[in-house]
Amino acid sequence: MFEFVKNLFKKPEQVLEIPLDKLDEWLDNNATGVKEKLQAGMKDIKLRLYEEIEKANNNITVLEEAELRNPNIPMRAKHFMHGNRLAYVKYMRNFLDRLHVGNEFDSMVEFAKGFDSQLEEMNKSTARAYNILQEFFAHESKNIALNVKNMDNITKEIQKQFEDSNVLKITLIKDMIASLKNKTNMQKDISNSLINKKNEREQLMYKRQKLETICDEFKTSEEFDEYKGLKAFRDKTKKQIQEHSSQLSNSFSVLEHALKKFSRQLFEHEDLIEKYQKDAAAAIVGDSNLEILSMLEKLKTAIYKGNIDLKDKKRERTLEEINKLDKQYLTDFKNRHQTLYSTYKEIQEKLSSSDVEEKLNELMLKIDKVQLDIETLNNEIKELSSEVSKNKIEEIRQNLEENIKNFVNTDLRIVL
């Protein structure tokens, strides 16, 4: 009970808030002891490493200046040895020049991280030359290899110093800070891009709405109504032409059987018969003297004389249709057809000279273009929103806060 009451009056622990851009500096200040301890332990190790590097450089000079124990070898072998010695010496000097452990903490970390890979690359690159030199200068080349082995052992001591001094934890935390900064910057860039895309989409939607309003107003204009009326009148006239043409076509369809038989008897009318059977309306327009009348009269005479064999009902129906197609009927038909066609042509010319269709198509194309741009932006916004959800900054921040707490025993909140 007393413990419960005591906890009621206990002050909550303060959580330290640190901006992300100040976190590296704060960590450096709180890891000073670790770094100083590492640097103190590194002094002797670094000294031994540089001594070994100096020995290796001296041994390379010895190898470079060494004379063959047996100078009486073939000239080809001497050239072979000389080329490999030059390559080996050049590579090893470059390798040693790159081995530098600075006094700064970050420089030590970089050296410890990179030595193993440098050593592996050196072994691969010099293996052949080293093996060849063992045949000519076994003692000199072996001394250099021993120097490198000693350097490897000293570097392992450096790496152990890192492990013992928690430096690797600092490095891990610094990497996590860098990752969080990178993720945060990416998030800001994505968020800004998302805002810009949404604003751009809003502008396009307003533009589309404005264009649609203009289009609707145009469709209710007097100019468009007149154009629409002309189109309706044109379509009506076209239908009248088709219906009127079908009347004469139907008549010649009735005469088709008799005309086929008749065309075999009167070759001079064969082309005319073919034109009327193919398109009677077009044929009568081209038949300026109505030659079809004399041909129909000859056909009627041939039927009466029995020169064309037709069954009774067919004969009666054919004669009835021929009698209907007299001069007055054909003249009236031709005049009516020409009047309808002239009207249709006049309307079509007015429609062709009008720019109403062009204006409407232009508006519709603009609307379609804006709509396509909106759909493209919708896809881009969807992708960016997906990127935002994948960028788990909060999870990374909490993980980093936990690692820092375990390292310096301090509760803190990273302010992004």
Protein backbone atom coordinates (compact mmCIF):
# COMPACT_ATOMS: atom_id res chain seq x y z
CA MET A 1 0.00 0.00 0.00
CA PHE A 2 2.81 2.40 0.93
CA GLU A 3 4.61 1.60 -2.33
CA PHE A 4 1.43 2.39 -4.29
CA VAL A 5 1.01 5.78 -2.59
CA LYS A 6 4.71 6.50 -3.14
CA ASN A 7 4.37 5.85 -6.84
CA LEU A 8 1.44 8.26 -7.05
CA PHE A 9 3.68 11.17 -6.06
CA LYS A 10 6.66 10.00 -8.08
CA LYS A 11 7.66 12.46 -10.81
CA PRO A 12 7.60 11.03 -14.33
CA GLU A 13 11.00 10.55 -15.89
CA GLN A 14 12.01 13.32 -18.28
CA VAL A 15 12.43 12.30 -21.91
CA LEU A 16 15.21 14.16 -23.69
CA GLU A 17 14.14 15.59 -27.07
CA ILE A 18 16.86 15.97 -29.69
CA PRO A 19 16.39 17.21 -33.26
CA LEU A 20 17.60 14.73 -35.85
CA ASP A 21 20.08 17.21 -37.34
CA LYS A 22 21.73 17.61 -33.87
CA LEU A 23 21.80 13.90 -33.04
CA ASP A 24 25.27 13.17 -34.48
CA GLU A 25 26.79 15.98 -32.42
CA TRP A 26 24.95 14.84 -29.26
CA LEU A 27 26.13 11.25 -29.77
CA ASP A 28 29.74 12.40 -30.28
CA ASN A 29 29.61 14.36 -27.02
CA ASN A 30 28.16 11.42 -25.09
CA ALA A 31 30.59 8.92 -26.63
CA THR A 32 33.69 10.98 -25.83
CA GLY A 33 34.79 8.57 -23.08
CA VAL A 34 34.53 5.60 -25.40
CA LYS A 35 36.53 7.37 -28.09
CA GLU A 36 39.22 8.57 -25.68
CA LYS A 37 39.59 5.08 -24.28
CA LEU A 38 39.91 3.67 -27.78
CA GLN A 39 42.43 6.29 -28.84
CA ALA A 40 44.55 5.66 -25.73
CA GLY A 41 44.57 1.92 -26.43
CA MET A 42 45.35 2.51 -30.08
CA LYS A 43 48.58 4.48 -29.60
CA ASP A 44 50.86 1.49 -29.10
CA ILE A 45 49.05 -0.57 -31.75
CA LYS A 46 49.31 2.18 -34.35
CA LEU A 47 53.00 2.60 -33.55
CA ARG A 48 53.65 -1.10 -34.13
CA LEU A 49 51.63 -1.01 -37.35
CA TYR A 50 53.63 1.89 -38.77
CA GLU A 51 56.88 0.19 -37.75
CA GLU A 52 55.77 -2.91 -39.64
CA ILE A 53 54.83 -0.81 -42.69
CA GLU A 54 58.29 0.77 -42.59
CA LYS A 55 59.93 -2.68 -42.37
CA ALA A 56 57.87 -3.85 -45.31
CA ASN A 57 58.94 -0.82 -47.37
CA ASN A 58 62.59 -1.56 -46.51
CA ASN A 59 62.17 -5.20 -47.48
CA ILE A 60 60.60 -4.15 -50.78
CA THR A 61 63.70 -2.03 -51.44
CA VAL A 62 65.87 -5.07 -50.64
CA LEU A 63 63.85 -7.16 -53.08
CA GLU A 64 64.05 -4.43 -55.68
CA GLU A 65 67.86 -4.27 -55.45
CA ALA A 66 68.54 -8.00 -54.96
CA GLU A 67 70.88 -9.75 -57.40
CA LEU A 68 70.20 -13.20 -58.78
CA ARG A 69 72.10 -15.94 -56.93
CA ASN A 70 72.55 -17.66 -60.27
CA PRO A 71 73.13 -15.00 -62.94
CA ASN A 72 73.67 -17.67 -65.61
CA ILE A 73 69.99 -18.24 -66.34
CA PRO A 74 68.51 -17.76 -69.81
CA MET A 75 67.80 -14.15 -70.85
CA ARG A 76 64.15 -15.00 -71.32
CA ALA A 77 63.93 -16.12 -67.69
CA LYS A 78 65.63 -12.89 -66.58
CA HIS A 79 63.05 -10.80 -68.47
CA PHE A 80 60.28 -12.92 -66.98
CA MET A 81 61.65 -12.37 -63.45
CA HIS A 82 62.22 -8.65 -64.04
CA GLY A 83 58.66 -7.99 -65.25
CA ASN A 84 57.07 -9.80 -62.32
CA ARG A 85 59.36 -8.10 -59.78
CA LEU A 86 58.44 -4.64 -61.15
CA ALA A 87 54.71 -5.45 -61.00
CA TYR A 88 54.94 -6.88 -57.48
CA VAL A 89 57.01 -3.98 -56.11
CA LYS A 90 54.70 -1.38 -57.66
CA TYR A 91 51.54 -2.98 -56.30
CA MET A 92 52.99 -3.54 -52.81
CA ARG A 93 54.18 0.07 -52.48
CA ASN A 94 50.72 1.32 -53.49
CA PHE A 95 49.15 -1.08 -50.99
CA LEU A 96 51.35 0.18 -48.15
CA ASP A 97 50.75 3.83 -49.08
CA ARG A 98 47.01 3.30 -48.62
CA LEU A 99 47.42 1.92 -45.08
CA HIS A 100 46.83 4.92 -42.88
CA VAL A 101 45.20 5.05 -39.45
CA GLY A 102 44.37 8.65 -38.59
CA ASN A 103 43.95 10.08 -35.11
CA GLU A 104 40.31 10.89 -35.73
CA PHE A 105 37.68 8.39 -34.62
CA ASP A 106 36.02 8.09 -38.03
CA SER A 107 39.41 7.47 -39.67
CA MET A 108 40.06 4.54 -37.30
CA VAL A 109 36.66 3.06 -38.06
CA GLU A 110 37.21 3.31 -41.82
CA PHE A 111 40.61 1.62 -41.53
CA ALA A 112 39.23 -1.25 -39.44
CA LYS A 113 36.37 -1.77 -41.88
CA GLY A 114 38.46 -1.64 -45.04
CA PHE A 115 41.66 -3.51 -44.21
CA ASP A 116 40.36 -7.06 -44.73
CA SER A 117 39.01 -6.27 -48.20
CA GLN A 118 42.24 -4.45 -49.14
CA LEU A 119 44.29 -7.42 -47.97
CA GLU A 120 42.14 -9.87 -49.91
CA GLU A 121 42.44 -7.78 -53.08
CA MET A 122 46.23 -7.52 -52.62
CA ASN A 123 46.59 -11.30 -52.22
CA LYS A 124 44.57 -11.93 -55.38
CA SER A 125 46.44 -9.34 -57.42
CA THR A 126 49.98 -10.37 -56.38
CA ALA A 127 49.61 -14.15 -55.99
CA ARG A 128 51.09 -15.02 -59.38
CA ALA A 129 53.97 -12.54 -59.18
CA TYR A 130 54.75 -13.64 -55.58
CA ASN A 131 54.89 -17.33 -56.56
CA ILE A 132 57.23 -16.54 -59.44
CA LEU A 133 59.49 -14.40 -57.23
CA GLN A 134 59.72 -17.28 -54.76
CA GLU A 135 61.66 -19.12 -57.46
CA PHE A 136 64.22 -16.31 -57.77
CA PHE A 137 64.18 -14.38 -54.45
CA ALA A 138 62.59 -16.74 -51.94
CA HIS A 139 64.10 -15.10 -48.83
CA GLU A 140 63.39 -11.47 -49.86
CA SER A 141 59.79 -12.07 -50.96
CA LYS A 142 59.07 -14.19 -47.88
CA ASN A 143 60.18 -11.32 -45.59
CA ILE A 144 57.63 -9.03 -47.22
CA ALA A 145 54.91 -11.69 -46.78
CA LEU A 146 55.81 -11.92 -43.07
CA ASN A 147 55.49 -8.15 -42.77
CA VAL A 148 52.01 -8.32 -44.29
CA LYS A 149 51.09 -11.17 -41.94
CA ASN A 150 52.20 -9.07 -38.96
CA MET A 151 50.13 -6.14 -40.22
CA ASP A 152 47.11 -8.43 -40.47
CA ASN A 153 47.62 -9.53 -36.84
CA ILE A 154 48.01 -5.92 -35.67
CA THR A 155 44.84 -4.92 -37.55
CA LYS A 156 42.98 -7.72 -35.80
CA GLU A 157 44.10 -6.16 -32.51
CA ILE A 158 42.61 -2.84 -33.71
CA GLN A 159 39.36 -4.58 -34.57
CA LYS A 160 39.32 -6.23 -31.13
CA GLN A 161 39.85 -2.81 -29.56
CA PHE A 162 36.74 -1.66 -31.37
CA GLU A 163 34.73 -4.62 -30.10
CA ASP A 164 35.92 -4.19 -26.51
CA SER A 165 35.27 -0.43 -26.47
CA ASN A 166 31.70 -0.48 -27.92
CA VAL A 167 32.91 1.52 -30.92
CA LEU A 168 31.01 -0.78 -33.25
CA LYS A 169 27.81 0.20 -31.44
CA ILE A 170 28.59 3.85 -32.11
CA THR A 171 29.23 3.04 -35.74
CA LEU A 172 25.94 1.11 -35.93
CA ILE A 173 24.04 3.99 -34.34
CA LYS A 174 25.68 6.50 -36.69
CA ASP A 175 24.71 4.34 -39.66
CA MET A 176 21.14 4.24 -38.33
CA ILE A 177 21.15 8.04 -37.92
CA ALA A 178 22.35 8.41 -41.52
CA SER A 179 19.64 6.00 -42.67
CA LEU A 180 16.95 7.92 -40.76
CA LYS A 181 18.16 11.21 -42.23
CA ASN A 182 18.11 9.72 -45.70
CA LYS A 183 14.63 8.28 -45.19
CA THR A 184 13.38 11.57 -43.73
CA ASN A 185 14.76 13.56 -46.66
CA MET A 186 13.20 11.09 -49.07
CA GLN A 187 9.91 11.39 -47.21
CA LYS A 188 10.04 15.18 -47.43
CA ASP A 189 10.82 15.02 -51.15
CA ILE A 190 7.99 12.55 -51.73
CA SER A 191 5.57 14.61 -49.62
CA ASN A 192 6.48 17.81 -51.48
CA SER A 193 6.13 16.02 -54.79
CA LEU A 194 2.76 14.63 -53.65
CA ILE A 195 1.53 18.11 -52.72
CA ASN A 196 2.70 19.50 -56.06
CA LYS A 197 1.02 16.68 -57.98
CA LYS A 198 -2.25 17.18 -56.11
CA ASN A 199 -2.15 20.93 -56.73
CA GLU A 200 -1.44 20.28 -60.40
CA ARG A 201 -4.37 17.87 -60.53
CA GLU A 202 -6.69 20.46 -58.92
CA GLN A 203 -5.67 23.00 -61.55
CA LEU A 204 -6.32 20.49 -64.34
CA MET A 205 -9.71 19.54 -62.90
CA TYR A 206 -10.65 23.23 -62.81
CA LYS A 207 -9.42 23.58 -66.40
CA ARG A 208 -11.49 20.55 -67.48
CA GLN A 209 -14.60 21.95 -65.76
CA LYS A 210 -14.08 25.29 -67.51
CA LEU A 211 -13.67 23.59 -70.91
CA GLU A 212 -16.78 21.46 -70.33
CA THR A 213 -18.76 24.61 -69.48
CA ILE A 214 -17.54 26.28 -72.69
CA CYS A 215 -18.46 23.14 -74.63
CA ASP A 216 -21.97 22.99 -73.11
CA GLU A 217 -22.53 26.69 -73.84
CA PHE A 218 -21.37 26.18 -77.42
CA LYS A 219 -23.82 23.30 -77.88
CA THR A 220 -26.69 25.60 -76.86
CA SER A 221 -25.58 28.49 -79.11
CA GLU A 222 -27.56 29.72 -82.11
CA GLU A 223 -24.63 28.83 -84.37
CA PHE A 224 -24.62 25.21 -83.18
CA ASP A 225 -28.45 24.93 -83.36
CA GLU A 226 -28.36 26.12 -86.97
CA TYR A 227 -25.60 23.61 -87.77
CA LYS A 228 -27.46 20.81 -86.02
CA GLY A 229 -30.63 21.74 -87.95
CA LEU A 230 -28.72 21.62 -91.23
CA LYS A 231 -27.36 18.17 -90.39
CA ALA A 232 -30.85 16.91 -89.56
CA PHE A 233 -32.20 18.38 -92.83
CA ARG A 234 -29.31 16.81 -94.77
CA ASP A 235 -29.96 13.40 -93.22
CA LYS A 236 -33.69 13.73 -93.94
CA THR A 237 -32.99 14.67 -97.57
CA LYS A 238 -30.56 11.77 -97.93
CA LYS A 239 -33.23 9.40 -96.65
CA GLN A 240 -35.75 10.88 -99.13
CA ILE A 241 -33.26 10.32 -101.97
CA GLN A 242 -32.79 6.70 -100.91
CA GLU A 243 -36.55 6.09 -100.62
CA HIS A 244 -37.23 7.84 -103.96
CA SER A 245 -34.44 5.88 -105.70
CA SER A 246 -35.77 2.61 -104.34
CA GLN A 247 -39.12 3.19 -106.13
CA LEU A 248 -37.50 3.07 -109.58
CA SER A 249 -35.15 0.27 -108.50
CA ASN A 250 -38.14 -1.80 -107.40
CA SER A 251 -39.81 -1.26 -110.78
CA PHE A 252 -36.77 -2.48 -112.68
CA SER A 253 -36.46 -5.37 -110.27
CA VAL A 254 -39.90 -6.51 -111.45
CA LEU A 255 -38.69 -6.21 -115.06
CA GLU A 256 -35.38 -7.98 -114.41
CA HIS A 257 -36.41 -11.40 -115.77
CA ALA A 258 -37.91 -9.97 -118.95
CA LEU A 259 -35.01 -7.57 -119.47
CA LYS A 260 -32.46 -10.39 -119.29
CA LYS A 261 -34.24 -12.27 -122.07
CA PHE A 262 -34.79 -9.08 -124.06
CA SER A 263 -31.13 -8.02 -123.86
CA ARG A 264 -30.15 -11.19 -125.74
CA GLN A 265 -32.41 -10.13 -128.64
CA LEU A 266 -31.52 -6.41 -128.78
CA PHE A 267 -27.79 -5.94 -128.41
CA GLU A 268 -28.04 -2.19 -129.01
CA HIS A 269 -29.89 -1.78 -125.67
CA GLU A 270 -27.62 -4.11 -123.66
CA ASP A 271 -25.51 -1.33 -122.02
CA LEU A 272 -28.59 0.76 -121.23
CA ILE A 273 -30.37 -2.22 -119.65
CA GLU A 274 -27.27 -2.99 -117.57
CA LYS A 275 -27.11 0.63 -116.24
CA TYR A 276 -30.77 0.64 -115.18
CA GLN A 277 -30.46 -2.75 -113.51
CA LYS A 278 -27.34 -1.64 -111.61
CA ASP A 279 -28.60 1.79 -110.40
CA ALA A 280 -31.88 2.94 -111.94
CA ALA A 281 -31.83 6.43 -110.31
CA ALA A 282 -28.30 7.19 -111.51
CA ALA A 283 -29.12 5.77 -114.94
CA ILE A 284 -32.18 8.00 -115.46
CA VAL A 285 -30.21 11.11 -114.45
CA GLY A 286 -27.68 10.25 -117.16
CA ASP A 287 -30.38 9.34 -119.69
CA SER A 288 -30.95 12.86 -121.01
CA ASN A 289 -33.23 11.81 -123.90
CA LEU A 290 -35.02 9.10 -121.92
CA GLU A 291 -33.93 6.38 -124.33
CA ILE A 292 -35.32 3.93 -121.81
CA LEU A 293 -38.83 4.76 -123.08
CA SER A 294 -38.21 3.34 -126.57
CA MET A 295 -36.53 0.29 -125.08
CA LEU A 296 -39.52 -0.31 -122.76
CA GLU A 297 -41.89 0.10 -125.71
CA LYS A 298 -39.94 -2.53 -127.69
CA LEU A 299 -39.98 -4.81 -124.65
CA LYS A 300 -43.76 -4.45 -124.36
CA THR A 301 -44.22 -5.22 -128.07
CA ALA A 302 -42.00 -8.31 -127.78
CA ILE A 303 -44.06 -9.54 -124.83
CA TYR A 304 -47.37 -9.03 -126.70
CA LYS A 305 -46.00 -10.87 -129.75
CA GLY A 306 -44.85 -13.74 -127.56
CA ASN A 307 -41.18 -13.24 -128.41
CA ILE A 308 -40.41 -13.25 -124.71
CA ASP A 309 -41.76 -16.27 -122.89
CA LEU A 310 -43.29 -15.26 -119.52
CA LYS A 311 -45.82 -17.02 -117.33
CA ASP A 312 -49.26 -15.44 -117.15
CA LYS A 313 -48.92 -13.73 -113.77
CA LYS A 314 -45.34 -12.66 -114.49
CA ARG A 315 -46.43 -11.41 -117.94
CA GLU A 316 -49.30 -9.44 -116.48
CA ARG A 317 -47.15 -7.93 -113.67
CA THR A 318 -44.37 -7.01 -116.15
CA LEU A 319 -46.76 -5.27 -118.56
CA GLU A 320 -48.40 -3.42 -115.69
CA GLU A 321 -44.98 -2.09 -114.53
CA ILE A 322 -43.99 -1.09 -118.10
CA ASN A 323 -47.26 0.85 -118.50
CA LYS A 324 -46.57 2.65 -115.20
CA LEU A 325 -43.13 3.73 -116.42
CA ASP A 326 -44.45 6.14 -119.04
CA LYS A 327 -42.86 9.42 -120.07
CA GLN A 328 -44.71 11.50 -117.49
CA TYR A 329 -43.77 9.16 -114.64
CA LEU A 330 -40.10 9.00 -115.61
CA THR A 331 -39.89 12.76 -116.23
CA ASP A 332 -41.47 13.50 -112.84
CA PHE A 333 -39.20 10.95 -111.18
CA LYS A 334 -36.10 12.45 -112.79
CA ASN A 335 -37.04 16.02 -111.85
CA ARG A 336 -37.85 15.03 -108.27
CA HIS A 337 -34.57 13.11 -107.95
CA GLN A 338 -32.54 16.03 -109.31
CA THR A 339 -34.32 18.48 -106.99
CA LEU A 340 -33.62 16.27 -103.95
CA TYR A 341 -29.99 15.77 -104.95
CA SER A 342 -29.48 19.52 -105.56
CA THR A 343 -30.95 20.24 -102.14
CA TYR A 344 -28.70 17.63 -100.53
CA LYS A 345 -25.63 19.00 -102.31
CA GLU A 346 -26.45 22.59 -101.27
CA ILE A 347 -26.85 21.56 -97.61
CA GLN A 348 -23.62 19.55 -97.71
CA GLU A 349 -21.73 22.55 -99.09
CA LYS A 350 -23.04 24.73 -96.24
CA LEU A 351 -22.01 22.12 -93.69
CA SER A 352 -18.56 21.77 -95.28
CA SER A 353 -17.98 25.53 -95.17
CA SER A 354 -19.04 25.71 -91.50
CA ASP A 355 -16.38 25.56 -88.77
CA VAL A 356 -18.83 24.38 -86.09
CA GLU A 357 -17.67 20.77 -86.25
CA GLU A 358 -14.05 21.88 -86.11
CA LYS A 359 -14.72 24.09 -83.06
CA LEU A 360 -16.54 21.27 -81.27
CA ASN A 361 -13.83 18.72 -82.09
CA GLU A 362 -11.15 21.12 -80.89
CA LEU A 363 -12.95 21.57 -77.56
CA MET A 364 -13.46 17.81 -77.17
CA LEU A 365 -9.78 17.14 -77.93
CA LYS A 366 -8.75 19.67 -75.28
CA ILE A 367 -11.06 18.03 -72.75
CA ASP A 368 -9.72 14.56 -73.62
CA LYS A 369 -6.11 15.82 -73.31
CA VAL A 370 -6.78 17.35 -69.88
CA GLN A 371 -8.58 14.16 -68.76
CA LEU A 372 -5.60 12.06 -69.88
CA ASP A 373 -3.25 14.34 -67.92
CA ILE A 374 -5.50 13.98 -64.84
CA GLU A 375 -5.43 10.18 -65.12
CA THR A 376 -1.63 10.25 -65.45
CA LEU A 377 -1.40 12.39 -62.32
CA ASN A 378 -3.79 10.05 -60.48
CA ASN A 379 -1.43 7.15 -61.18
CA GLU A 380 1.59 9.19 -60.08
CA ILE A 381 -0.20 10.27 -56.87
CA LYS A 382 -1.12 6.67 -56.17
CA GLU A 383 2.51 5.56 -56.59
CA LEU A 384 3.82 8.39 -54.39
CA SER A 385 1.23 7.61 -51.69
CA SER A 386 2.37 3.99 -51.80
CA GLU A 387 5.99 5.13 -51.38
CA VAL A 388 5.01 7.18 -48.32
CA SER A 389 3.38 4.16 -46.69
CA LYS A 390 6.43 1.98 -47.43
CA ASN A 391 8.85 4.51 -45.93
CA LYS A 392 8.59 3.26 -42.32
CA ILE A 393 10.22 6.26 -40.66
CA GLU A 394 8.47 5.83 -37.31
CA GLU A 395 9.66 2.24 -37.03
CA ILE A 396 13.25 3.27 -37.85
CA ARG A 397 13.10 6.14 -35.34
CA GLN A 398 11.85 3.92 -32.51
CA ASN A 399 14.53 1.33 -33.25
CA LEU A 400 17.21 4.06 -33.21
CA GLU A 401 15.89 5.52 -29.94
CA GLU A 402 16.03 2.06 -28.36
CA ASN A 403 19.64 1.49 -29.50
CA ILE A 404 20.74 4.89 -28.16
CA LYS A 405 18.98 4.21 -24.83
CA ASN A 406 20.80 0.87 -24.46
CA PHE A 407 24.13 2.53 -25.30
CA VAL A 408 24.05 5.70 -23.14
CA ASN A 409 21.22 4.74 -20.74
CA THR A 410 19.15 7.82 -21.65
CA ASP A 411 15.50 8.04 -22.69
CA LEU A 412 15.23 10.36 -25.65
CA ARG A 413 12.83 11.38 -28.36
CA ILE A 414 14.19 12.16 -31.82
CA VAL A 415 12.45 15.21 -33.29
CA LEU A 416 12.17 14.99 -37.07
